[in-house]
């Protein structure tokens, strides 16, 4: 399979995540008033319309330029890395980067269009969040799994392959 076909699959994943994020945000924006909260499971899970002009946990309120430029740069760098450098990388790494890029893009779209991010999932014990935030967290979780478990296996396998190749070469030289 060529490189373009491979990256198209991850672009499709990114497009689906961004679309789901934007559809849910549009639905909340159209159905709820800012600050309105609708219990889905009373006192456990609510849909609550929040406009967040800051970053995670509402930090950095009012830093719109920084909160727009930094994610834009990171999204571009990660996408270029995914498209240009990840051809032979493990699919979990590529999926992790796809989720992080898509989540960042979903929230970046909000910042560019509205000047704030629309959040709605409210578990009452955690700050309100959205689909894009879930994608970023899922991507970071996959990246952690990749770094802790899969990347080490691949490196160990490569080392064993190299060691095996050296042994074969040494045997051939001794003949």
Protein backbone atom coordinates (compact mmCIF):
# COMPACT_ATOMS: atom_id res chain seq x y z
CA UNK A 1 0.00 0.00 0.00
CA UNK A 2 1.46 3.36 -0.93
CA UNK A 3 2.08 6.24 1.44
CA UNK A 4 -0.86 8.36 0.22
CA UNK A 5 -3.38 5.55 0.74
CA UNK A 6 -2.05 4.94 4.26
CA UNK A 7 -2.29 8.60 5.30
CA UNK A 8 -5.80 8.87 3.82
CA UNK A 9 -7.05 6.39 6.43
CA UNK A 10 -5.71 8.55 9.26
CA UNK A 11 -7.07 11.69 7.59
CA UNK A 12 -10.48 10.01 7.51
CA UNK A 13 -10.21 9.27 11.24
CA UNK A 14 -9.30 12.92 11.87
CA UNK A 15 -12.20 14.15 9.73
CA UNK A 16 -14.68 11.90 11.56
CA UNK A 17 -13.49 13.09 14.97
CA UNK A 18 -13.63 16.77 13.96
CA UNK A 19 -17.07 16.27 12.38
CA UNK A 20 -18.43 14.51 15.48
CA UNK A 21 -17.01 17.26 17.69
CA UNK A 22 -18.49 20.07 15.60
CA UNK A 23 -21.89 18.35 15.26
CA UNK A 24 -22.21 17.83 19.01
CA UNK A 25 -21.11 21.42 19.70
CA UNK A 26 -23.61 22.80 17.15
CA UNK A 27 -26.39 20.73 18.71
CA UNK A 28 -25.58 22.03 22.19
CA UNK A 29 -25.32 25.60 20.90
CA UNK A 30 -28.75 25.29 19.21
CA UNK A 31 -30.58 23.39 21.97
CA UNK A 32 -29.26 24.84 25.21
CA UNK A 33 -28.72 28.31 26.61
CA UNK A 34 -25.28 29.18 27.94
CA UNK A 35 -25.05 27.82 31.48
CA UNK A 36 -28.08 25.57 31.05
CA UNK A 37 -27.68 22.05 32.38
CA UNK A 38 -29.81 19.04 31.48
CA UNK A 39 -29.45 15.92 33.63
CA UNK A 40 -28.90 12.73 31.68
CA UNK A 41 -28.28 10.74 34.88
CA UNK A 42 -29.27 13.06 37.73
CA UNK A 43 -26.33 14.26 39.85
CA UNK A 44 -23.93 12.03 37.89
CA UNK A 45 -23.89 13.10 34.24
CA UNK A 46 -25.36 16.28 32.77
CA UNK A 47 -25.17 18.12 29.48
CA UNK A 48 -24.10 21.62 30.49
CA UNK A 49 -23.44 24.39 27.98
CA UNK A 50 -20.17 26.13 28.87
CA UNK A 51 -18.20 28.65 26.82
CA UNK A 52 -14.54 28.30 27.71
CA UNK A 53 -12.30 31.15 26.59
CA UNK A 54 -9.30 29.58 28.36
CA UNK A 55 -7.42 26.30 28.03
CA UNK A 56 -7.91 23.05 29.93
CA UNK A 57 -9.69 23.59 33.26
CA UNK A 58 -10.32 27.19 32.11
CA UNK A 59 -6.72 28.27 32.73
CA UNK A 60 -5.24 31.11 30.66
CA UNK A 61 -8.56 32.94 30.27
CA UNK A 62 -8.30 35.79 27.77
CA UNK A 63 -5.08 34.57 26.10
CA UNK A 64 -6.84 34.07 22.75
CA UNK A 65 -3.83 34.75 20.49
CA UNK A 66 -1.62 32.29 22.37
CA UNK A 67 -4.44 29.72 22.59
CA UNK A 68 -4.93 30.01 18.83
CA UNK A 69 -1.35 30.19 17.54
CA UNK A 70 0.19 27.50 19.76
CA UNK A 71 -2.35 24.78 18.85
CA UNK A 72 -2.19 25.81 15.18
CA UNK A 73 1.59 25.38 15.15
CA UNK A 74 1.43 22.07 17.06
CA UNK A 75 -1.29 20.70 14.78
CA UNK A 76 0.76 21.58 11.70
CA UNK A 77 3.96 20.07 13.12
CA UNK A 78 2.18 16.86 14.18
CA UNK A 79 0.42 16.54 10.82
CA UNK A 80 3.65 17.04 8.88
CA UNK A 81 5.36 14.48 11.12
CA UNK A 82 2.47 12.03 10.63
CA UNK A 83 2.43 12.51 6.86
CA UNK A 84 6.17 12.62 6.23
CA UNK A 85 7.90 10.62 8.94
CA UNK A 86 5.49 7.97 10.24
CA UNK A 87 5.17 5.72 7.21
CA UNK A 88 6.89 2.78 8.91
CA UNK A 89 5.74 3.54 12.46
CA UNK A 90 3.35 1.42 14.50
CA UNK A 91 -0.37 2.04 13.73
CA UNK A 92 -1.00 2.89 17.40
CA UNK A 93 1.40 5.84 17.14
CA UNK A 94 -0.31 7.04 13.96
CA UNK A 95 -3.76 6.69 15.51
CA UNK A 96 -2.61 8.50 18.66
CA UNK A 97 -1.30 11.42 16.62
CA UNK A 98 -4.49 11.44 14.53
CA UNK A 99 -6.66 11.75 17.65
CA UNK A 100 -4.46 14.51 19.11
CA UNK A 101 -4.47 16.45 15.82
CA UNK A 102 -8.24 16.06 15.39
CA UNK A 103 -9.02 17.08 18.97
CA UNK A 104 -6.75 20.09 18.69
CA UNK A 105 -8.34 21.01 15.38
CA UNK A 106 -11.87 20.71 16.78
CA UNK A 107 -11.13 23.13 19.60
CA UNK A 108 -9.11 25.40 17.30
CA UNK A 109 -12.12 25.71 14.98
CA UNK A 110 -14.18 26.91 17.95
CA UNK A 111 -11.57 29.48 18.93
CA UNK A 112 -11.34 30.81 15.37
CA UNK A 113 -15.10 30.89 14.77
CA UNK A 114 -16.44 31.86 18.22
CA UNK A 115 -13.48 33.08 20.25
CA UNK A 116 -14.16 30.34 22.82
CA UNK A 117 -14.52 26.55 23.01
CA UNK A 118 -17.93 24.98 23.57
CA UNK A 119 -17.91 22.34 26.32
CA UNK A 120 -20.85 20.16 27.36
CA UNK A 121 -20.05 16.86 29.09
CA UNK A 122 -20.44 17.39 32.82
CA UNK A 123 -19.78 14.60 35.32
CA UNK A 124 -20.13 17.01 38.24
CA UNK A 125 -16.76 16.05 39.74
CA UNK A 126 -14.60 17.14 36.81
CA UNK A 127 -14.48 20.26 34.64
CA UNK A 128 -16.92 20.25 31.71
CA UNK A 129 -15.36 18.96 28.46
CA UNK A 130 -16.18 18.08 24.85
CA UNK A 131 -15.57 15.49 22.09
CA UNK A 132 -12.31 17.19 21.03
CA UNK A 133 -11.01 16.95 24.59
CA UNK A 134 -11.86 13.24 24.64
CA UNK A 135 -9.95 12.77 21.37
CA UNK A 136 -6.86 14.55 22.73
CA UNK A 137 -6.96 12.47 25.93
CA UNK A 138 -7.51 9.23 24.00
CA UNK A 139 -4.60 10.16 21.71
CA UNK A 140 -2.36 10.88 24.69
CA UNK A 141 -3.39 7.56 26.26
CA UNK A 142 -2.53 5.70 23.06
CA UNK A 143 0.75 7.60 22.82
CA UNK A 144 1.57 6.54 26.37
CA UNK A 145 0.78 2.91 25.55
CA UNK A 146 2.96 3.17 22.46
CA UNK A 147 5.91 4.68 24.33
CA UNK A 148 5.70 2.35 27.35
CA UNK A 149 4.95 -0.92 25.62
CA UNK A 150 4.99 -0.98 21.83
CA UNK A 151 7.99 1.19 21.03
CA UNK A 152 10.14 -0.84 23.42
CA UNK A 153 9.04 -4.10 21.78
CA UNK A 154 9.85 -2.72 18.35
CA UNK A 155 13.29 -1.51 19.48
CA UNK A 156 13.98 -4.85 21.19
CA UNK A 157 12.90 -6.70 18.04
CA UNK A 158 15.14 -4.46 15.91
CA UNK A 159 18.05 -5.06 18.27
CA UNK A 160 17.49 -8.83 18.11
CA UNK A 161 17.28 -8.62 14.31
CA UNK A 162 20.52 -6.62 14.17
CA UNK A 163 22.22 -9.01 16.62
CA UNK A 164 21.04 -11.95 14.52
CA UNK A 165 22.34 -10.33 11.35
CA UNK A 166 25.71 -9.74 13.03
CA UNK A 167 25.89 -13.40 14.09
CA UNK A 168 25.13 -14.54 10.54
CA UNK A 169 27.76 -12.17 9.16
CA UNK A 170 30.35 -13.39 11.68
CA UNK A 171 29.63 -17.04 10.76
CA UNK A 172 30.01 -16.22 7.07
CA UNK A 173 33.30 -14.47 7.72
CA UNK A 174 34.64 -17.46 9.65
CA UNK A 175 33.96 -19.79 6.72
